[in-house]
Amino acid sequence: RGRHTTTRRELFPTPWGGLVLDTPGMRELQLWDAGEGVE
C-alpha cells in the first residue's frame, strides 16, 4: 500500500503549456451522476 508522501495539493507548469495538479491520496471518490455512464 502507498505511503502518505504528498501532503498538499500543488500546481506545476508542464512542458506542453498546461498545468498539472498533484494531490494527496484520496480515501474515497464518489460518483455524481453516473447512471448513464455505468450503462
PDB file of all heavy atoms in Angstrom:
ATOM      1  N   ARG A   1       0.845  -1.187   0.000  1.00  0.00           N
ATOM      2  CA  ARG A   1       0.000   0.000   0.000  1.00  0.00           C
ATOM      3  C   ARG A   1       0.877   1.233   0.000  1.00  0.00           C
ATOM      4  O   ARG A   1       2.024   1.224   0.434  1.00  0.00           O
ATOM      5  CB  ARG A   1      -0.922  -0.005   1.214  1.00  0.00           C
ATOM      6  CG  ARG A   1      -1.907  -1.165   1.175  1.00  0.00           C
ATOM      7  CD  ARG A   1      -2.823  -1.108   2.336  1.00  0.00           C
ATOM      8  NE  ARG A   1      -3.646   0.092   2.243  1.00  0.00           N
ATOM      9  CZ  ARG A   1      -4.959   0.086   2.099  1.00  0.00           C
ATOM     10  NH1 ARG A   1      -5.591  -1.052   2.023  1.00  0.00           N
ATOM     11  NH2 ARG A   1      -5.637   1.200   2.034  1.00  0.00           N
ATOM     12  N   GLY A   2       0.299   2.321  -0.497  1.00  0.00           N
ATOM     13  CA  GLY A   2       1.045   3.564  -0.578  1.00  0.00           C
ATOM     14  C   GLY A   2       1.266   4.219   0.766  1.00  0.00           C
ATOM     15  O   GLY A   2       0.578   3.938   1.731  1.00  0.00           O
ATOM     16  N   ARG A   3       2.279   5.071   0.795  1.00  0.00           N
ATOM     17  CA  ARG A   3       2.571   5.850   1.990  1.00  0.00           C
ATOM     18  C   ARG A   3       2.149   7.285   1.695  1.00  0.00           C
ATOM     19  O   ARG A   3       2.316   7.767   0.594  1.00  0.00           O
ATOM     20  CB  ARG A   3       4.066   5.825   2.286  1.00  0.00           C
ATOM     21  CG  ARG A   3       4.581   4.434   2.505  1.00  0.00           C
ATOM     22  CD  ARG A   3       6.089   4.460   2.655  1.00  0.00           C
ATOM     23  NE  ARG A   3       6.584   3.096   2.627  1.00  0.00           N
ATOM     24  CZ  ARG A   3       7.764   2.755   3.065  1.00  0.00           C
ATOM     25  NH1 ARG A   3       8.572   3.652   3.555  1.00  0.00           N
ATOM     26  NH2 ARG A   3       8.151   1.504   3.005  1.00  0.00           N
ATOM     27  N   HIS A   4       1.632   7.966   2.687  1.00  0.00           N
ATOM     28  CA  HIS A   4       1.211   9.354   2.504  1.00  0.00           C
ATOM     29  C   HIS A   4       2.457  10.231   2.413  1.00  0.00           C
ATOM     30  O   HIS A   4       2.979  10.696   3.409  1.00  0.00           O
ATOM     31  CB  HIS A   4       0.312   9.797   3.651  1.00  0.00           C
ATOM     32  CG  HIS A   4      -0.993   9.085   3.664  1.00  0.00           C
ATOM     33  ND1 HIS A   4      -1.999   9.376   2.763  1.00  0.00           N
ATOM     34  CD2 HIS A   4      -1.463   8.090   4.428  1.00  0.00           C
ATOM     35  CE1 HIS A   4      -3.028   8.599   3.000  1.00  0.00           C
ATOM     36  NE2 HIS A   4      -2.724   7.794   4.004  1.00  0.00           N
ATOM     37  N   THR A   5       2.939  10.458   1.198  1.00  0.00           N
ATOM     38  CA  THR A   5       4.137  11.256   0.981  1.00  0.00           C
ATOM     39  C   THR A   5       3.746  12.678   0.601  1.00  0.00           C
ATOM     40  O   THR A   5       4.253  13.638   1.159  1.00  0.00           O
ATOM     41  CB  THR A   5       5.010  10.633  -0.117  1.00  0.00           C
ATOM     42  OG1 THR A   5       5.258   9.268   0.228  1.00  0.00           O
ATOM     43  CG2 THR A   5       6.319  11.362  -0.266  1.00  0.00           C
ATOM     44  N   THR A   6       2.837  12.818  -0.360  1.00  0.00           N
ATOM     45  CA  THR A   6       2.351  14.140  -0.757  1.00  0.00           C
ATOM     46  C   THR A   6       1.349  14.586   0.294  1.00  0.00           C
ATOM     47  O   THR A   6       0.394  13.880   0.593  1.00  0.00           O
ATOM     48  CB  THR A   6       1.676  14.076  -2.150  1.00  0.00           C
ATOM     49  OG1 THR A   6       2.619  13.561  -3.091  1.00  0.00           O
ATOM     50  CG2 THR A   6       1.199  15.443  -2.593  1.00  0.00           C
ATOM     51  N   THR A   7       1.587  15.777   0.866  1.00  0.00           N
ATOM     52  CA  THR A   7       0.741  16.235   1.962  1.00  0.00           C
ATOM     53  C   THR A   7      -0.159  17.407   1.592  1.00  0.00           C
ATOM     54  O   THR A   7      -1.029  17.782   2.356  1.00  0.00           O
ATOM     55  CB  THR A   7       1.604  16.645   3.169  1.00  0.00           C
ATOM     56  OG1 THR A   7       2.520  17.658   2.743  1.00  0.00           O
ATOM     57  CG2 THR A   7       2.356  15.446   3.726  1.00  0.00           C
ATOM     58  N   ARG A   8       0.062  17.993   0.406  1.00  0.00           N
ATOM     59  CA  ARG A   8      -0.780  19.114  -0.008  1.00  0.00           C
ATOM     60  C   ARG A   8      -0.906  19.134  -1.524  1.00  0.00           C
ATOM     61  O   ARG A   8      -0.099  18.537  -2.239  1.00  0.00           O
ATOM     62  CB  ARG A   8      -0.212  20.428   0.494  1.00  0.00           C
ATOM     63  CG  ARG A   8       1.111  20.804  -0.162  1.00  0.00           C
ATOM     64  CD  ARG A   8       1.665  22.082   0.481  1.00  0.00           C
ATOM     65  NE  ARG A   8       2.725  22.666  -0.299  1.00  0.00           N
ATOM     66  CZ  ARG A   8       3.970  22.229  -0.338  1.00  0.00           C
ATOM     67  NH1 ARG A   8       4.318  21.165   0.354  1.00  0.00           N
ATOM     68  NH2 ARG A   8       4.875  22.844  -1.056  1.00  0.00           N
ATOM     69  N   ARG A   9      -1.939  19.817  -1.999  1.00  0.00           N
ATOM     70  CA  ARG A   9      -2.106  19.974  -3.449  1.00  0.00           C
ATOM     71  C   ARG A   9      -1.056  20.951  -3.947  1.00  0.00           C
ATOM     72  O   ARG A   9      -0.747  21.942  -3.279  1.00  0.00           O
ATOM     73  CB  ARG A   9      -3.508  20.524  -3.759  1.00  0.00           C
ATOM     74  CG  ARG A   9      -4.602  19.548  -3.429  1.00  0.00           C
ATOM     75  CD  ARG A   9      -5.967  20.139  -3.702  1.00  0.00           C
ATOM     76  NE  ARG A   9      -6.251  21.318  -2.894  1.00  0.00           N
ATOM     77  CZ  ARG A   9      -6.752  21.297  -1.672  1.00  0.00           C
ATOM     78  NH1 ARG A   9      -7.032  20.155  -1.100  1.00  0.00           N
ATOM     79  NH2 ARG A   9      -6.973  22.416  -1.016  1.00  0.00           N
ATOM     80  N   GLU A  10      -0.519  20.645  -5.118  1.00  0.00           N
ATOM     81  CA  GLU A  10       0.485  21.541  -5.684  1.00  0.00           C
ATOM     82  C   GLU A  10       0.334  21.577  -7.192  1.00  0.00           C
ATOM     83  O   GLU A  10       0.116  20.549  -7.838  1.00  0.00           O
ATOM     84  CB  GLU A  10       1.886  21.072  -5.287  1.00  0.00           C
ATOM     85  CG  GLU A  10       2.901  22.171  -5.383  1.00  0.00           C
ATOM     86  CD  GLU A  10       4.176  21.872  -4.606  1.00  0.00           C
ATOM     87  OE1 GLU A  10       4.182  20.954  -3.762  1.00  0.00           O
ATOM     88  OE2 GLU A  10       5.172  22.557  -4.869  1.00  0.00           O
ATOM     89  N   LEU A  11       0.442  22.768  -7.759  1.00  0.00           N
ATOM     90  CA  LEU A  11       0.242  23.002  -9.183  1.00  0.00           C
ATOM     91  C   LEU A  11       1.586  23.231  -9.862  1.00  0.00           C
ATOM     92  O   LEU A  11       2.413  23.994  -9.361  1.00  0.00           O
ATOM     93  CB  LEU A  11      -0.644  24.247  -9.334  1.00  0.00           C
ATOM     94  CG  LEU A  11      -1.409  24.472 -10.599  1.00  0.00           C
ATOM     95  CD1 LEU A  11      -2.315  23.297 -10.926  1.00  0.00           C
ATOM     96  CD2 LEU A  11      -2.246  25.749 -10.472  1.00  0.00           C
ATOM     97  N   PHE A  12       1.805  22.549 -11.012  1.00  0.00           N
ATOM     98  CA  PHE A  12       3.078  22.663 -11.731  1.00  0.00           C
ATOM     99  C   PHE A  12       2.821  22.946 -13.212  1.00  0.00           C
ATOM    100  O   PHE A  12       1.938  22.322 -13.814  1.00  0.00           O
ATOM    101  CB  PHE A  12       3.870  21.348 -11.650  1.00  0.00           C
ATOM    102  CG  PHE A  12       4.225  20.935 -10.258  1.00  0.00           C
ATOM    103  CD1 PHE A  12       3.436  20.022  -9.559  1.00  0.00           C
ATOM    104  CD2 PHE A  12       5.352  21.457  -9.631  1.00  0.00           C
ATOM    105  CE1 PHE A  12       3.753  19.633  -8.286  1.00  0.00           C
ATOM    106  CE2 PHE A  12       5.675  21.063  -8.346  1.00  0.00           C
ATOM    107  CZ  PHE A  12       4.881  20.151  -7.667  1.00  0.00           C
ATOM    108  N   PRO A  13       3.610  23.840 -13.815  1.00  0.00           N
ATOM    109  CA  PRO A  13       3.503  24.041 -15.266  1.00  0.00           C
ATOM    110  C   PRO A  13       4.159  22.857 -15.998  1.00  0.00           C
ATOM    111  O   PRO A  13       5.209  22.374 -15.581  1.00  0.00           O
ATOM    112  CB  PRO A  13       4.280  25.337 -15.523  1.00  0.00           C
ATOM    113  CG  PRO A  13       5.156  25.512 -14.323  1.00  0.00           C
ATOM    114  CD  PRO A  13       4.545  24.758 -13.188  1.00  0.00           C
ATOM    115  N   THR A  14       3.515  22.377 -17.051  1.00  0.00           N
ATOM    116  CA  THR A  14       4.058  21.252 -17.815  1.00  0.00           C
ATOM    117  C   THR A  14       4.828  21.776 -19.027  1.00  0.00           C
ATOM    118  O   THR A  14       4.642  22.919 -19.433  1.00  0.00           O
ATOM    119  CB  THR A  14       2.929  20.328 -18.310  1.00  0.00           C
ATOM    120  OG1 THR A  14       2.159  21.016 -19.297  1.00  0.00           O
ATOM    121  CG2 THR A  14       2.051  19.861 -17.157  1.00  0.00           C
ATOM    122  N   PRO A  15       5.654  20.937 -19.633  1.00  0.00           N
ATOM    123  CA  PRO A  15       6.391  21.354 -20.827  1.00  0.00           C
ATOM    124  C   PRO A  15       5.473  21.660 -22.012  1.00  0.00           C
ATOM    125  O   PRO A  15       5.884  22.299 -22.974  1.00  0.00           O
ATOM    126  CB  PRO A  15       7.287  20.158 -21.162  1.00  0.00           C
ATOM    127  CG  PRO A  15       7.171  19.208 -20.041  1.00  0.00           C
ATOM    128  CD  PRO A  15       6.014  19.606 -19.201  1.00  0.00           C
ATOM    129  N   TRP A  16       4.214  21.218 -21.937  1.00  0.00           N
ATOM    130  CA  TRP A  16       3.283  21.391 -23.050  1.00  0.00           C
ATOM    131  C   TRP A  16       2.434  22.648 -22.921  1.00  0.00           C
ATOM    132  O   TRP A  16       1.574  22.914 -23.754  1.00  0.00           O
ATOM    133  CB  TRP A  16       2.395  20.156 -23.182  1.00  0.00           C
ATOM    134  CG  TRP A  16       3.194  18.895 -23.283  1.00  0.00           C
ATOM    135  CD1 TRP A  16       4.077  18.560 -24.274  1.00  0.00           C
ATOM    136  CD2 TRP A  16       3.202  17.823 -22.367  1.00  0.00           C
ATOM    137  NE1 TRP A  16       4.644  17.344 -24.027  1.00  0.00           N
ATOM    138  CE2 TRP A  16       4.117  16.845 -22.843  1.00  0.00           C
ATOM    139  CE3 TRP A  16       2.536  17.558 -21.173  1.00  0.00           C
ATOM    140  CZ2 TRP A  16       4.365  15.658 -22.189  1.00  0.00           C
ATOM    141  CZ3 TRP A  16       2.786  16.368 -20.518  1.00  0.00           C
ATOM    142  CH2 TRP A  16       3.697  15.446 -21.028  1.00  0.00           C
ATOM    143  N   GLY A  17       2.610  23.410 -21.828  1.00  0.00           N
ATOM    144  CA  GLY A  17       1.887  24.673 -21.684  1.00  0.00           C
ATOM    145  C   GLY A  17       0.772  24.646 -20.658  1.00  0.00           C
ATOM    146  O   GLY A  17       0.352  25.689 -20.169  1.00  0.00           O
ATOM    147  N   GLY A  18       0.254  23.488 -20.333  1.00  0.00           N
ATOM    148  CA  GLY A  18      -0.814  23.389 -19.343  1.00  0.00           C
ATOM    149  C   GLY A  18      -0.253  23.205 -17.949  1.00  0.00           C
ATOM    150  O   GLY A  18       0.962  23.274 -17.733  1.00  0.00           O
ATOM    151  N   LEU A  19      -1.147  22.966 -17.005  1.00  0.00           N
ATOM    152  CA  LEU A  19      -0.763  22.775 -15.617  1.00  0.00           C
ATOM    153  C   LEU A  19      -1.197  21.395 -15.146  1.00  0.00           C
ATOM    154  O   LEU A  19      -2.224  20.875 -15.594  1.00  0.00           O
ATOM    155  CB  LEU A  19      -1.435  23.832 -14.732  1.00  0.00           C
ATOM    156  CG  LEU A  19      -1.118  25.288 -15.061  1.00  0.00           C
ATOM    157  CD1 LEU A  19      -2.048  26.219 -14.283  1.00  0.00           C
ATOM    158  CD2 LEU A  19       0.331  25.601 -14.740  1.00  0.00           C
ATOM    159  N   VAL A  20      -0.418  20.829 -14.219  1.00  0.00           N
ATOM    160  CA  VAL A  20      -0.796  19.555 -13.604  1.00  0.00           C
ATOM    161  C   VAL A  20      -0.894  19.782 -12.098  1.00  0.00           C
ATOM    162  O   VAL A  20      -0.039  20.425 -11.495  1.00  0.00           O
ATOM    163  CB  VAL A  20       0.187  18.407 -13.944  1.00  0.00           C
ATOM    164  CG1 VAL A  20       1.593  18.695 -13.456  1.00  0.00           C
ATOM    165  CG2 VAL A  20      -0.330  17.084 -13.399  1.00  0.00           C
ATOM    166  N   LEU A  21      -1.995  19.278 -11.520  1.00  0.00           N
ATOM    167  CA  LEU A  21      -2.236  19.408 -10.095  1.00  0.00           C
ATOM    168  C   LEU A  21      -1.993  18.056  -9.444  1.00  0.00           C
ATOM    169  O   LEU A  21      -2.685  17.086  -9.729  1.00  0.00           O
ATOM    170  CB  LEU A  21      -3.691  19.847  -9.848  1.00  0.00           C
ATOM    171  CG  LEU A  21      -4.146  19.941  -8.398  1.00  0.00           C
ATOM    172  CD1 LEU A  21      -3.401  21.058  -7.666  1.00  0.00           C
ATOM    173  CD2 LEU A  21      -5.646  20.185  -8.345  1.00  0.00           C
ATOM    174  N   ASP A  22      -0.981  18.000  -8.586  1.00  0.00           N
ATOM    175  CA  ASP A  22      -0.705  16.778  -7.826  1.00  0.00           C
ATOM    176  C   ASP A  22      -1.454  16.887  -6.510  1.00  0.00           C
ATOM    177  O   ASP A  22      -1.485  17.946  -5.886  1.00  0.00           O
ATOM    178  CB  ASP A  22       0.801  16.634  -7.583  1.00  0.00           C
ATOM    179  CG  ASP A  22       1.177  15.251  -7.066  1.00  0.00           C
ATOM    180  OD1 ASP A  22       0.330  14.336  -7.110  1.00  0.00           O
ATOM    181  OD2 ASP A  22       2.332  15.086  -6.630  1.00  0.00           O
ATOM    182  N   THR A  23      -2.087  15.800  -6.109  1.00  0.00           N
ATOM    183  CA  THR A  23      -2.910  15.810  -4.902  1.00  0.00           C
ATOM    184  C   THR A  23      -2.491  14.687  -3.967  1.00  0.00           C
ATOM    185  O   THR A  23      -1.964  13.673  -4.410  1.00  0.00           O
ATOM    186  CB  THR A  23      -4.399  15.614  -5.256  1.00  0.00           C
ATOM    187  OG1 THR A  23      -4.555  14.347  -5.894  1.00  0.00           O
ATOM    188  CG2 THR A  23      -4.898  16.718  -6.158  1.00  0.00           C
ATOM    189  N   PRO A  24      -2.757  14.850  -2.663  1.00  0.00           N
ATOM    190  CA  PRO A  24      -2.514  13.736  -1.735  1.00  0.00           C
ATOM    191  C   PRO A  24      -3.458  12.584  -2.062  1.00  0.00           C
ATOM    192  O   PRO A  24      -4.447  12.768  -2.760  1.00  0.00           O
ATOM    193  CB  PRO A  24      -2.838  14.325  -0.362  1.00  0.00           C
ATOM    194  CG  PRO A  24      -2.888  15.789  -0.540  1.00  0.00           C
ATOM    195  CD  PRO A  24      -3.244  16.033  -1.977  1.00  0.00           C
ATOM    196  N   GLY A  25      -3.159  11.422  -1.537  1.00  0.00           N
ATOM    197  CA  GLY A  25      -4.016  10.260  -1.777  1.00  0.00           C
ATOM    198  C   GLY A  25      -5.425  10.476  -1.266  1.00  0.00           C
ATOM    199  O   GLY A  25      -5.642  11.157  -0.275  1.00  0.00           O
ATOM    200  N   MET A  26      -6.378   9.902  -1.977  1.00  0.00           N
ATOM    201  CA  MET A  26      -7.777  10.035  -1.613  1.00  0.00           C
ATOM    202  C   MET A  26      -8.255   8.762  -0.936  1.00  0.00           C
ATOM    203  O   MET A  26      -7.890   7.673  -1.344  1.00  0.00           O
ATOM    204  CB  MET A  26      -8.617  10.275  -2.866  1.00  0.00           C
ATOM    205  CG  MET A  26      -8.264  11.556  -3.546  1.00  0.00           C
ATOM    206  SD  MET A  26      -9.094  11.756  -5.121  1.00  0.00           S
ATOM    207  CE  MET A  26     -10.750  11.311  -4.750  1.00  0.00           C
ATOM    208  N   ARG A  27      -9.107   8.906   0.049  1.00  0.00           N
ATOM    209  CA  ARG A  27      -9.692   7.740   0.707  1.00  0.00           C
ATOM    210  C   ARG A  27     -10.952   7.297  -0.019  1.00  0.00           C
ATOM    211  O   ARG A  27     -11.290   6.141  -0.028  1.00  0.00           O
ATOM    212  CB  ARG A  27     -10.036   8.074   2.154  1.00  0.00           C
ATOM    213  CG  ARG A  27      -8.806   8.309   2.978  1.00  0.00           C
ATOM    214  CD  ARG A  27      -9.217   8.697   4.384  1.00  0.00           C
ATOM    215  NE  ARG A  27      -8.128   9.387   5.052  1.00  0.00           N
ATOM    216  CZ  ARG A  27      -7.255   8.797   5.829  1.00  0.00           C
ATOM    217  NH1 ARG A  27      -7.312   7.531   6.038  1.00  0.00           N
ATOM    218  NH2 ARG A  27      -6.309   9.492   6.399  1.00  0.00           N
ATOM    219  N   GLU A  28     -11.674   8.263  -0.610  1.00  0.00           N
ATOM    220  CA  GLU A  28     -12.932   7.904  -1.234  1.00  0.00           C
ATOM    221  C   GLU A  28     -13.220   8.872  -2.372  1.00  0.00           C
ATOM    222  O   GLU A  28     -12.969  10.062  -2.271  1.00  0.00           O
ATOM    223  CB  GLU A  28     -14.061   7.975  -0.202  1.00  0.00           C
ATOM    224  CG  GLU A  28     -15.413   7.636  -0.754  1.00  0.00           C
ATOM    225  CD  GLU A  28     -16.486   7.671   0.316  1.00  0.00           C
ATOM    226  OE1 GLU A  28     -16.444   8.553   1.185  1.00  0.00           O
ATOM    227  OE2 GLU A  28     -17.367   6.807   0.269  1.00  0.00           O
ATOM    228  N   LEU A  29     -13.747   8.360  -3.444  1.00  0.00           N
ATOM    229  CA  LEU A  29     -14.188   9.164  -4.572  1.00  0.00           C
ATOM    230  C   LEU A  29     -15.601   8.714  -4.872  1.00  0.00           C
ATOM    231  O   LEU A  29     -15.853   7.538  -5.123  1.00  0.00           O
ATOM    232  CB  LEU A  29     -13.283   8.925  -5.792  1.00  0.00           C
ATOM    233  CG  LEU A  29     -13.657   9.660  -7.068  1.00  0.00           C
ATOM    234  CD1 LEU A  29     -13.513  11.164  -6.866  1.00  0.00           C
ATOM    235  CD2 LEU A  29     -12.776   9.211  -8.212  1.00  0.00           C
ATOM    236  N   GLN A  30     -16.544   9.645  -4.789  1.00  0.00           N
ATOM    237  CA  GLN A  30     -17.928   9.268  -5.020  1.00  0.00           C
ATOM    238  C   GLN A  30     -18.355   9.650  -6.422  1.00  0.00           C
ATOM    239  O   GLN A  30     -17.907  10.644  -6.980  1.00  0.00           O
ATOM    240  CB  GLN A  30     -18.847   9.956  -4.016  1.00  0.00           C
ATOM    241  CG  GLN A  30     -18.681   9.431  -2.629  1.00  0.00           C
ATOM    242  CD  GLN A  30     -19.681  10.048  -1.681  1.00  0.00           C
ATOM    243  OE1 GLN A  30     -20.180  11.136  -1.907  1.00  0.00           O
ATOM    244  NE2 GLN A  30     -19.977   9.348  -0.616  1.00  0.00           N
ATOM    245  N   LEU A  31     -19.253   8.849  -6.959  1.00  0.00           N
ATOM    246  CA  LEU A  31     -19.831   9.139  -8.252  1.00  0.00           C
ATOM    247  C   LEU A  31     -20.819  10.277  -8.100  1.00  0.00           C
ATOM    248  O   LEU A  31     -21.402  10.452  -7.056  1.00  0.00           O
ATOM    249  CB  LEU A  31     -20.576   7.902  -8.770  1.00  0.00           C
ATOM    250  CG  LEU A  31     -19.734   6.654  -8.954  1.00  0.00           C
ATOM    251  CD1 LEU A  31     -20.639   5.466  -9.238  1.00  0.00           C
ATOM    252  CD2 LEU A  31     -18.762   6.855 -10.083  1.00  0.00           C
ATOM    253  N   TRP A  32     -21.050  11.017  -9.156  1.00  0.00           N
ATOM    254  CA  TRP A  32     -22.088  12.021  -9.086  1.00  0.00           C
ATOM    255  C   TRP A  32     -23.259  11.528  -9.905  1.00  0.00           C
ATOM    256  O   TRP A  32     -24.074  10.779  -9.445  1.00  0.00           O
ATOM    257  CB  TRP A  32     -21.564  13.386  -9.529  1.00  0.00           C
ATOM    258  CG  TRP A  32     -22.611  14.435  -9.364  1.00  0.00           C
ATOM    259  CD1 TRP A  32     -23.142  15.226 -10.317  1.00  0.00           C
ATOM    260  CD2 TRP A  32     -23.289  14.793  -8.143  1.00  0.00           C
ATOM    261  NE1 TRP A  32     -24.105  16.039  -9.782  1.00  0.00           N
ATOM    262  CE2 TRP A  32     -24.216  15.795  -8.451  1.00  0.00           C
ATOM    263  CE3 TRP A  32     -23.222  14.343  -6.839  1.00  0.00           C
ATOM    264  CZ2 TRP A  32     -25.057  16.377  -7.510  1.00  0.00           C
ATOM    265  CZ3 TRP A  32     -24.060  14.919  -5.893  1.00  0.00           C
ATOM    266  CH2 TRP A  32     -24.957  15.920  -6.233  1.00  0.00           C
ATOM    267  N   ASP A  33     -23.345  11.870 -11.166  1.00  0.00           N
ATOM    268  CA  ASP A  33     -24.474  11.421 -11.978  1.00  0.00           C
ATOM    269  C   ASP A  33     -23.943  10.399 -12.965  1.00  0.00           C
ATOM    270  O   ASP A  33     -23.690  10.710 -14.113  1.00  0.00           O
ATOM    271  CB  ASP A  33     -25.106  12.612 -12.701  1.00  0.00           C
ATOM    272  CG  ASP A  33     -26.348  12.213 -13.459  1.00  0.00           C
ATOM    273  OD1 ASP A  33     -26.868  11.112 -13.212  1.00  0.00           O
ATOM    274  OD2 ASP A  33     -26.795  12.995 -14.312  1.00  0.00           O
ATOM    275  N   ALA A  34     -23.776   9.172 -12.510  1.00  0.00           N
ATOM    276  CA  ALA A  34     -23.089   8.163 -13.314  1.00  0.00           C
ATOM    277  C   ALA A  34     -23.999   7.114 -13.910  1.00  0.00           C
ATOM    278  O   ALA A  34     -23.527   6.177 -14.512  1.00  0.00           O
ATOM    279  CB  ALA A  34     -22.026   7.481 -12.456  1.00  0.00           C
ATOM    280  N   GLY A  35     -25.311   7.246 -13.742  1.00  0.00           N
ATOM    281  CA  GLY A  35     -26.235   6.224 -14.228  1.00  0.00           C
ATOM    282  C   GLY A  35     -25.995   5.839 -15.678  1.00  0.00           C
ATOM    283  O   GLY A  35     -25.793   4.679 -16.009  1.00  0.00           O
ATOM    284  N   GLU A  36     -26.001   6.833 -16.564  1.00  0.00           N
ATOM    285  CA  GLU A  36     -25.780   6.557 -17.980  1.00  0.00           C
ATOM    286  C   GLU A  36     -24.342   6.125 -18.247  1.00  0.00           C
ATOM    287  O   GLU A  36     -24.095   5.324 -19.132  1.00  0.00           O
ATOM    288  CB  GLU A  36     -26.129   7.796 -18.817  1.00  0.00           C
ATOM    289  CG  GLU A  36     -27.611   8.082 -18.840  1.00  0.00           C
ATOM    290  CD  GLU A  36     -27.943   9.333 -19.634  1.00  0.00           C
ATOM    291  OE1 GLU A  36     -27.116   9.753 -20.469  1.00  0.00           O
ATOM    292  OE2 GLU A  36     -29.027   9.886 -19.411  1.00  0.00           O
ATOM    293  N   GLY A  37     -23.402   6.651 -17.470  1.00  0.00           N
ATOM    294  CA  GLY A  37     -22.003   6.282 -17.650  1.00  0.00           C
ATOM    295  C   GLY A  37     -21.755   4.824 -17.330  1.00  0.00           C
ATOM    296  O   GLY A  37     -20.993   4.153 -18.019  1.00  0.00           O
ATOM    297  N   VAL A  38     -22.413   4.318 -16.285  1.00  0.00           N
ATOM    298  CA  VAL A  38     -22.265   2.907 -15.920  1.00  0.00           C
ATOM    299  C   VAL A  38     -22.843   2.047 -17.036  1.00  0.00           C
ATOM    300  O   VAL A  38     -22.236   1.058 -17.450  1.00  0.00           O
ATOM    301  CB  VAL A  38     -22.951   2.595 -14.565  1.00  0.00           C
ATOM    302  CG1 VAL A  38     -22.961   1.103 -14.284  1.00  0.00           C
ATOM    303  CG2 VAL A  38     -22.233   3.326 -13.442  1.00  0.00           C
ATOM    304  N   GLU A  39     -24.002   2.443 -17.553  1.00  0.00           N
ATOM    305  CA  GLU A  39     -24.618   1.692 -18.646  1.00  0.00           C
ATOM    306  C   GLU A  39     -23.711   1.666 -19.874  1.00  0.00           C
ATOM    307  O   GLU A  39     -23.570   0.630 -20.521  1.00  0.00           O
ATOM    308  CB  GLU A  39     -25.973   2.302 -19.009  1.00  0.00           C
ATOM    309  CG  GLU A  39     -27.021   2.102 -17.938  1.00  0.00           C
ATOM    310  CD  GLU A  39     -28.295   2.900 -18.198  1.00  0.00           C
ATOM    311  OE1 GLU A  39     -28.457   3.445 -19.314  1.00  0.00           O
ATOM    312  OE2 GLU A  39     -29.116   2.972 -17.279  1.00  0.00           O
TER     313      GLU A  39
END
